[in-house]
Amino acid sequence: MQNKYDYLVVGAGLYGAVFAHEAQKAGKSVLVIDKRENIAGNVYTEKIEGIHVHKYGAHIFHTNNKKVWEYVNQFAEFNRFTNSPVANFHGELYSLPFNMYTFNKMWGVVTPEEAAAKIEEQKKAAGITNPENLEEQAISLVGKDIFEKLIKGYTEKQWGRSCRELPAFIIKRLPVRLTYDNNYFNALYQGIPIGGYTKMVDNMLKGIEVRLGEDYLQQKDEYDSIADRVIYTGAIDAYFNFAIGHLEYRSVRFDTEVLDKPNYQGNAAVNYTDVETPWTRIIEHKWFEFGKDEQGNDLPKTVISREYSSEWKPGDEPYYPVNDEKNGALYSEYKKMADKEDKVVFGGRLGEYRYYDMDAVIASALDMCEKELGV
């Protein structure tokens, strides 16, 4: 490690890639390292049977932020994919997000007025005025029937906790529509990068030195000695060697298989909302790109991934921060420690211990670039 760099970026995910790109553009020397053997972090896509497989779960880019949308379009052309998941409850199929198709299937109602009246009737019957947990919040939004069939089992599998133990805010942003609109996201801009996310991140990192399979925390002193500043996107508690305890996460395991058929479920995402089915959802990756390869040919095979949610333990991949009081208090103590680090900036999902949509990660990285680089 003879070279000296202005910036060492730890993590080649979206946050690190955005910063590295902007730093290089500002004339800074940059080294990016990642302990994985691939770039792109959790948005990494791998080509299998001509299909861009989302190795760490489905990622659909969506944003209302025009600045972020224009930024990512420098690095990729996006298709017009619209996220319209399907819920499977013991073989009954429902439209997601909750909309008039869902209400019609559940109750036989036809008009928005009838649907609203049914939800209000069930909310009143449950006696909820000020929702204090996820169950009460869900019933107040969509009624008891939809909660029982389409929310309860899925949520308890995902979080490993009763809906009565989970905070109400987790479900507050759940889309509920009294229209026949089954686009999951209320976003002006939406799509999947043509060629996959790995190609997009590779374009961000063009001309930048990247070293993969490098664990920063195992060679910290050595790496710190070759850079003036460090942009750290790993887990904040791991940086401090878990000095005051482990922050908790939910983790996800993926069981991926290639099937010798052109169509398994007819949709990119099907959520299994009963508690008995062990997986939370099945992703059929080819439908993110309409079942075609980059030349527009139909693909003869398909690739599916079953997702299993689990409690995180050291060594597992951390996915979702557990946003409860205990973990919030622990993170605030780590944040105080981080603020005392002179040459290190903590950023991204793990560095800031928060759930970020992709557009919010990019917006946060660009904000940090302004402070750090003056760009």
Protein backbone atom coordinates (compact mmCIF):
# COMPACT_ATOMS: atom_id res chain seq x y z
CA MET A 1 0.00 0.00 0.00
CA GLN A 2 2.46 2.61 -1.20
CA ASN A 3 -0.02 4.97 -2.84
CA LYS A 4 -1.56 7.82 -0.90
CA TYR A 5 -5.20 8.76 -1.52
CA ASP A 6 -7.36 11.71 -0.68
CA TYR A 7 -10.26 9.35 0.06
CA LEU A 8 -10.68 5.73 1.01
CA VAL A 9 -14.27 4.62 0.39
CA VAL A 10 -15.24 1.53 2.37
CA GLY A 11 -18.09 -0.19 0.54
CA ALA A 12 -18.87 -0.29 -3.19
CA GLY A 13 -22.64 0.01 -2.79
CA LEU A 14 -24.71 2.97 -3.95
CA TYR A 15 -23.56 5.40 -1.26
CA GLY A 16 -19.88 4.61 -1.74
CA ALA A 17 -20.12 4.59 -5.54
CA VAL A 18 -21.84 7.99 -5.66
CA PHE A 19 -19.26 9.54 -3.39
CA ALA A 20 -16.33 7.96 -5.25
CA HIS A 21 -17.68 9.22 -8.58
CA GLU A 22 -18.16 12.77 -7.32
CA ALA A 23 -14.77 12.83 -5.54
CA GLN A 24 -12.95 11.69 -8.67
CA LYS A 25 -14.86 14.29 -10.71
CA ALA A 26 -13.68 16.93 -8.20
CA GLY A 27 -10.08 15.91 -8.88
CA LYS A 28 -9.54 13.82 -5.77
CA SER A 29 -7.65 10.54 -5.69
CA VAL A 30 -9.95 7.72 -4.54
CA LEU A 31 -9.61 4.06 -3.56
CA VAL A 32 -12.78 1.98 -3.11
CA ILE A 33 -12.64 -1.31 -1.20
CA ASP A 34 -15.32 -3.89 -0.42
CA LYS A 35 -15.15 -7.11 1.55
CA ARG A 36 -17.44 -8.83 -0.97
CA GLU A 37 -16.09 -10.14 -4.25
CA ASN A 38 -18.45 -7.88 -6.20
CA ILE A 39 -19.37 -4.22 -6.47
CA ALA A 40 -22.89 -2.78 -6.07
CA GLY A 41 -23.62 -3.90 -2.49
CA ASN A 42 -27.16 -5.14 -1.98
CA VAL A 43 -28.28 -3.95 -5.42
CA TYR A 44 -25.86 -6.41 -7.06
CA THR A 45 -27.36 -8.25 -10.02
CA GLU A 46 -25.86 -11.40 -11.54
CA LYS A 47 -26.68 -12.71 -15.00
CA ILE A 48 -28.10 -16.26 -14.96
CA GLU A 49 -29.65 -17.80 -18.10
CA GLY A 50 -29.74 -14.32 -19.65
CA ILE A 51 -31.71 -12.95 -16.65
CA HIS A 52 -30.43 -10.21 -14.33
CA VAL A 53 -30.97 -11.85 -10.95
CA HIS A 54 -31.32 -9.52 -7.92
CA LYS A 55 -29.02 -11.49 -5.61
CA TYR A 56 -29.92 -9.63 -2.43
CA GLY A 57 -33.63 -9.16 -2.98
CA ALA A 58 -35.83 -7.23 -5.37
CA HIS A 59 -34.77 -3.64 -6.00
CA ILE A 60 -37.13 -1.38 -7.94
CA PHE A 61 -35.89 2.14 -8.38
CA HIS A 62 -38.57 4.72 -7.59
CA THR A 63 -38.37 8.38 -6.65
CA ASN A 64 -40.11 11.73 -6.67
CA ASN A 65 -36.74 13.46 -6.51
CA LYS A 66 -36.01 14.82 -9.99
CA LYS A 67 -32.38 15.61 -9.11
CA VAL A 68 -31.76 11.98 -8.09
CA TRP A 69 -33.60 10.62 -11.15
CA GLU A 70 -31.50 12.76 -13.50
CA TYR A 71 -28.38 11.73 -11.60
CA VAL A 72 -28.90 7.96 -11.99
CA ASN A 73 -29.86 8.36 -15.64
CA GLN A 74 -26.26 9.42 -16.33
CA PHE A 75 -25.23 5.84 -15.59
CA ALA A 76 -28.10 3.74 -16.91
CA GLU A 77 -31.16 3.79 -19.09
CA PHE A 78 -34.22 2.69 -17.11
CA ASN A 79 -37.09 0.57 -18.37
CA ARG A 80 -40.74 1.26 -17.55
CA PHE A 81 -41.23 -1.52 -14.98
CA THR A 82 -44.12 -0.82 -12.58
CA ASN A 83 -44.23 -2.65 -9.27
CA SER A 84 -47.60 -4.41 -8.89
CA PRO A 85 -47.16 -7.29 -6.43
CA VAL A 86 -49.74 -10.02 -5.84
CA ALA A 87 -50.68 -11.39 -2.41
CA ASN A 88 -51.30 -15.12 -2.08
CA PHE A 89 -53.33 -16.20 0.97
CA HIS A 90 -53.83 -19.97 0.85
CA GLY A 91 -54.31 -19.80 -2.93
CA GLU A 92 -56.55 -16.72 -2.89
CA LEU A 93 -54.87 -13.99 -4.96
CA TYR A 94 -55.23 -10.29 -4.14
CA SER A 95 -53.92 -7.14 -5.76
CA LEU A 96 -51.30 -5.06 -3.95
CA PRO A 97 -51.09 -2.33 -2.89
CA PHE A 98 -54.54 -2.23 -1.33
CA ASN A 99 -56.85 -0.77 -3.96
CA MET A 100 -60.32 -1.26 -5.39
CA TYR A 101 -59.34 -4.61 -6.95
CA THR A 102 -58.36 -5.81 -3.44
CA PHE A 103 -61.54 -4.51 -1.82
CA ASN A 104 -63.73 -5.98 -4.56
CA LYS A 105 -62.14 -9.42 -4.17
CA MET A 106 -62.31 -9.25 -0.35
CA TRP A 107 -65.83 -7.88 0.12
CA GLY A 108 -67.53 -7.76 -3.28
CA VAL A 109 -67.75 -3.95 -3.09
CA VAL A 110 -67.74 -2.07 -6.38
CA THR A 111 -67.62 1.64 -5.55
CA PRO A 112 -65.05 3.60 -3.54
CA GLU A 113 -67.87 4.72 -1.23
CA GLU A 114 -68.76 1.10 -0.42
CA ALA A 115 -65.09 0.25 0.22
CA ALA A 116 -64.59 3.24 2.53
CA ALA A 117 -67.77 2.37 4.44
CA LYS A 118 -66.59 -1.23 4.93
CA ILE A 119 -63.20 -0.11 6.26
CA GLU A 120 -64.85 2.41 8.61
CA GLU A 121 -67.32 -0.23 9.86
CA GLN A 122 -64.49 -2.64 10.73
CA LYS A 123 -62.38 0.11 12.31
CA LYS A 124 -65.31 1.11 14.55
CA ALA A 125 -66.03 -2.51 15.47
CA ALA A 126 -62.40 -2.85 16.61
CA GLY A 127 -62.80 0.29 18.79
CA ILE A 128 -59.56 1.90 17.59
CA THR A 129 -59.25 5.66 18.00
CA ASN A 130 -55.53 6.18 18.58
CA PRO A 131 -53.49 3.28 17.06
CA GLU A 132 -50.71 2.26 19.44
CA ASN A 133 -49.14 -0.62 17.51
CA LEU A 134 -48.89 -2.03 14.00
CA GLU A 135 -52.00 -4.20 14.34
CA GLU A 136 -54.19 -1.28 15.41
CA GLN A 137 -52.69 0.99 12.75
CA ALA A 138 -53.33 -1.59 10.01
CA ILE A 139 -56.94 -2.21 11.08
CA SER A 140 -57.59 1.54 11.14
CA LEU A 141 -56.23 1.83 7.58
CA VAL A 142 -57.80 -1.19 5.86
CA GLY A 143 -60.08 -3.02 8.28
CA LYS A 144 -59.85 -6.33 10.14
CA ASP A 145 -60.39 -8.72 7.20
CA ILE A 146 -57.50 -7.36 5.16
CA PHE A 147 -55.30 -7.18 8.25
CA GLU A 148 -55.97 -10.84 9.08
CA LYS A 149 -55.48 -12.17 5.53
CA LEU A 150 -52.94 -9.89 3.90
CA ILE A 151 -50.89 -8.16 6.62
CA LYS A 152 -50.67 -10.19 9.84
CA GLY A 153 -48.91 -13.37 8.67
CA TYR A 154 -46.55 -11.62 6.25
CA THR A 155 -45.52 -8.98 8.78
CA GLU A 156 -44.96 -11.43 11.62
CA LYS A 157 -42.81 -13.62 9.36
CA GLN A 158 -40.84 -10.59 8.20
CA TRP A 159 -40.17 -9.14 11.66
CA GLY A 160 -40.32 -12.28 13.83
CA ARG A 161 -42.60 -10.45 16.27
CA SER A 162 -46.32 -10.13 16.92
CA CYS A 163 -47.97 -7.19 15.15
CA ARG A 164 -48.99 -5.98 18.61
CA GLU A 165 -45.32 -5.66 19.56
CA LEU A 166 -44.36 -3.67 16.45
CA PRO A 167 -44.59 0.15 16.27
CA ALA A 168 -47.43 1.70 14.29
CA PHE A 169 -45.13 3.82 12.09
CA ILE A 170 -43.79 0.74 10.22
CA ILE A 171 -47.06 0.50 8.29
CA LYS A 172 -48.06 4.18 8.10
CA ARG A 173 -46.63 4.57 4.60
CA LEU A 174 -48.58 1.56 3.31
CA PRO A 175 -50.39 2.65 0.13
CA VAL A 176 -54.20 2.41 0.39
CA ARG A 177 -56.16 3.59 -2.63
CA LEU A 178 -59.85 3.89 -3.39
CA THR A 179 -59.02 3.64 -7.10
CA TYR A 180 -58.23 0.78 -9.50
CA ASP A 181 -54.54 1.66 -9.44
CA ASN A 182 -52.22 -1.20 -8.55
CA ASN A 183 -48.91 0.65 -8.95
CA TYR A 184 -47.28 0.04 -5.57
CA PHE A 185 -45.25 3.24 -5.50
CA ASN A 186 -46.55 6.79 -5.45
CA ALA A 187 -43.54 7.95 -7.45
CA LEU A 188 -43.11 10.15 -10.49
CA TYR A 189 -40.16 8.09 -11.70
CA GLN A 190 -39.84 4.32 -11.60
CA GLY A 191 -38.02 1.52 -13.38
CA ILE A 192 -35.17 -0.97 -13.51
CA PRO A 193 -31.79 -0.14 -15.09
CA ILE A 194 -31.46 -1.90 -18.44
CA GLY A 195 -28.50 -4.27 -18.14
CA GLY A 196 -28.89 -4.56 -14.36
CA TYR A 197 -27.77 -2.60 -11.31
CA THR A 198 -24.23 -3.99 -11.39
CA LYS A 199 -23.69 -2.39 -14.79
CA MET A 200 -25.05 0.93 -13.45
CA VAL A 201 -22.69 0.91 -10.45
CA ASP A 202 -19.80 -0.15 -12.68
CA ASN A 203 -20.45 2.96 -14.76
CA MET A 204 -20.34 5.09 -11.59
CA LEU A 205 -16.95 3.60 -10.71
CA LYS A 206 -15.36 3.98 -14.19
CA GLY A 207 -11.71 4.95 -13.90
CA ILE A 208 -11.64 4.53 -10.10
CA GLU A 209 -9.37 2.02 -8.37
CA VAL A 210 -11.50 -0.70 -6.74
CA ARG A 211 -10.23 -3.59 -4.63
CA LEU A 212 -12.63 -6.41 -3.80
CA GLY A 213 -12.39 -9.08 -1.11
CA GLU A 214 -10.75 -6.54 1.22
CA ASP A 215 -11.94 -6.32 4.84
CA TYR A 216 -11.25 -2.79 6.06
CA LEU A 217 -11.75 -3.58 9.73
CA GLN A 218 -9.15 -6.36 9.63
CA GLN A 219 -6.53 -4.02 8.16
CA LYS A 220 -7.81 -0.75 9.55
CA ASP A 221 -4.54 0.83 10.64
CA GLU A 222 -2.90 0.03 7.32
CA TYR A 223 -5.79 1.41 5.28
CA ASP A 224 -6.17 4.50 7.45
CA SER A 225 -2.49 5.30 6.92
CA ILE A 226 -2.88 5.64 3.14
CA ALA A 227 -5.87 8.01 3.05
CA ASP A 228 -6.50 11.52 4.32
CA ARG A 229 -10.23 10.83 4.75
CA VAL A 230 -12.37 7.69 5.05
CA ILE A 231 -15.96 7.30 3.86
CA TYR A 232 -17.23 4.32 5.84
CA THR A 233 -20.46 2.58 4.79
CA GLY A 234 -20.14 -0.56 6.90
CA ALA A 235 -21.94 -1.29 10.16
CA ILE A 236 -21.34 1.46 12.72
CA ASP A 237 -21.23 -0.94 15.68
CA ALA A 238 -18.69 -3.18 13.91
CA TYR A 239 -16.44 -0.12 13.35
CA PHE A 240 -16.26 0.31 17.12
CA ASN A 241 -15.83 -3.45 17.65
CA PHE A 242 -19.28 -3.68 19.26
CA ALA A 243 -17.88 -1.81 22.27
CA ILE A 244 -21.29 -1.11 23.79
CA GLY A 245 -23.26 -3.98 22.21
CA HIS A 246 -24.69 -5.25 18.91
CA LEU A 247 -27.32 -3.31 17.03
CA GLU A 248 -30.10 -5.65 15.91
CA TYR A 249 -31.25 -6.35 12.36
CA ARG A 250 -33.59 -8.60 10.50
CA SER A 251 -31.82 -10.74 7.95
CA VAL A 252 -33.06 -12.44 4.77
CA ARG A 253 -32.04 -15.74 3.20
CA PHE A 254 -32.63 -16.41 -0.50
CA ASP A 255 -33.25 -19.82 -2.01
CA THR A 256 -32.69 -19.29 -5.75
CA GLU A 257 -33.31 -21.86 -8.48
CA VAL A 258 -33.34 -22.02 -12.26
CA LEU A 259 -36.49 -23.59 -13.71
CA ASP A 260 -36.69 -25.14 -17.16
CA LYS A 261 -39.93 -23.36 -18.03
CA PRO A 262 -40.68 -19.87 -19.38
CA ASN A 263 -43.09 -18.74 -16.66
CA TYR A 264 -43.46 -19.76 -13.01
CA GLN A 265 -45.87 -17.27 -11.43
CA GLY A 266 -46.58 -14.61 -14.07
CA ASN A 267 -45.44 -11.70 -11.90
CA ALA A 268 -42.18 -10.30 -10.53
CA ALA A 269 -43.30 -10.53 -6.89
CA VAL A 270 -45.85 -12.70 -5.10
CA ASN A 271 -46.17 -12.20 -1.33
CA TYR A 272 -47.26 -15.22 0.75
CA THR A 273 -49.35 -13.66 3.48
CA ASP A 274 -50.37 -16.72 5.50
CA VAL A 275 -48.24 -17.55 8.50
CA GLU A 276 -47.89 -21.27 7.57
CA THR A 277 -45.88 -20.74 4.35
CA PRO A 278 -42.27 -20.38 5.55
CA TRP A 279 -41.16 -17.86 2.92
CA THR A 280 -42.39 -14.28 2.76
CA ARG A 281 -42.39 -13.95 -1.02
CA ILE A 282 -41.19 -15.40 -4.31
CA ILE A 283 -39.42 -13.19 -6.83
CA GLU A 284 -39.42 -14.19 -10.50
CA HIS A 285 -36.56 -12.04 -11.78
CA LYS A 286 -37.22 -12.12 -15.53
CA TRP A 287 -40.42 -10.05 -15.15
CA PHE A 288 -38.41 -7.03 -13.99
CA GLU A 289 -37.39 -6.87 -17.65
CA PHE A 290 -40.64 -8.17 -19.15
CA GLY A 291 -39.32 -11.70 -19.71
CA LYS A 292 -36.90 -10.64 -22.45
CA ASP A 293 -33.14 -10.46 -22.93
CA GLU A 294 -31.28 -7.32 -23.98
CA GLN A 295 -31.98 -8.06 -27.64
CA GLY A 296 -35.73 -8.29 -26.98
CA ASN A 297 -35.93 -12.08 -27.31
CA ASP A 298 -38.20 -14.16 -25.05
CA LEU A 299 -36.21 -16.10 -22.47
CA PRO A 300 -36.91 -19.86 -22.42
CA LYS A 301 -36.05 -20.41 -18.73
CA THR A 302 -36.86 -18.57 -15.52
CA VAL A 303 -35.13 -17.92 -12.19
CA ILE A 304 -37.05 -17.66 -8.92
CA SER A 305 -35.94 -16.73 -5.40
CA ARG A 306 -37.83 -17.62 -2.25
CA GLU A 307 -37.18 -15.16 0.57
CA TYR A 308 -37.01 -16.28 4.20
CA SER A 309 -36.84 -13.65 6.91
CA SER A 310 -34.85 -14.37 10.07
CA GLU A 311 -33.42 -12.83 13.20
CA TRP A 312 -29.93 -11.51 12.52
CA LYS A 313 -26.92 -12.99 14.27
CA PRO A 314 -23.23 -12.07 13.84
CA GLY A 315 -22.01 -13.40 10.49
CA ASP A 316 -25.41 -12.99 8.80
CA GLU A 317 -26.08 -10.27 6.27
CA PRO A 318 -27.79 -7.33 8.03
CA TYR A 319 -30.81 -6.04 6.08
CA TYR A 320 -33.42 -4.17 8.11
CA PRO A 321 -32.56 -2.18 11.24
CA VAL A 322 -34.89 -2.99 14.14
CA ASN A 323 -36.35 0.44 14.86
CA ASP A 324 -37.35 0.03 18.48
CA GLU A 325 -36.50 2.12 21.53
CA LYS A 326 -33.63 -0.11 22.69
CA ASN A 327 -31.81 -0.08 19.34
CA GLY A 328 -32.51 3.62 18.81
CA ALA A 329 -30.85 4.42 22.15
CA LEU A 330 -27.87 2.17 21.37
CA TYR A 331 -27.40 3.75 17.94
CA SER A 332 -27.47 7.26 19.44
CA GLU A 333 -24.53 6.26 21.68
CA TYR A 334 -22.59 4.90 18.68
CA LYS A 335 -23.43 8.11 16.80
CA LYS A 336 -21.81 10.17 19.58
CA MET A 337 -18.68 8.03 19.22
CA ALA A 338 -18.74 8.43 15.42
CA ASP A 339 -19.00 12.21 15.70
CA LYS A 340 -15.67 12.24 17.54
CA GLU A 341 -13.84 10.50 14.67
CA ASP A 342 -11.78 13.18 12.92
CA LYS A 343 -11.14 11.66 9.53
CA VAL A 344 -14.09 9.27 9.10
CA VAL A 345 -17.53 9.99 7.65
CA PHE A 346 -20.24 7.38 8.39
CA GLY A 347 -22.87 6.98 5.70
CA GLY A 348 -25.47 4.70 4.16
CA ARG A 349 -27.83 2.09 5.52
CA LEU A 350 -25.35 0.39 7.88
CA GLY A 351 -23.25 3.43 8.73
CA GLU A 352 -26.35 5.37 9.80
CA TYR A 353 -28.41 2.38 11.03
CA ARG A 354 -31.51 3.29 9.07
CA TYR A 355 -33.62 1.78 6.35
CA TYR A 356 -32.99 3.68 3.12
CA ASP A 357 -34.75 3.39 -0.22
CA MET A 358 -32.26 3.60 -3.08
CA ASP A 359 -33.15 7.16 -4.02
CA ALA A 360 -32.74 8.30 -0.41
CA VAL A 361 -29.27 6.67 -0.23
CA ILE A 362 -28.23 8.56 -3.34
CA ALA A 363 -29.72 11.85 -2.08
CA SER A 364 -27.90 11.41 1.24
CA ALA A 365 -24.61 10.68 -0.54
CA LEU A 366 -25.00 13.75 -2.77
CA ASP A 367 -25.72 15.92 0.29
CA MET A 368 -22.58 14.61 1.91
CA CYS A 369 -20.60 15.32 -1.28
CA GLU A 370 -21.68 18.96 -1.03
CA LYS A 371 -20.42 19.20 2.55
CA GLU A 372 -17.25 17.20 1.98
CA LEU A 373 -16.26 18.24 -1.55
CA GLY A 374 -18.11 21.51 -1.98
CA VAL A 375 -19.82 20.21 -5.15
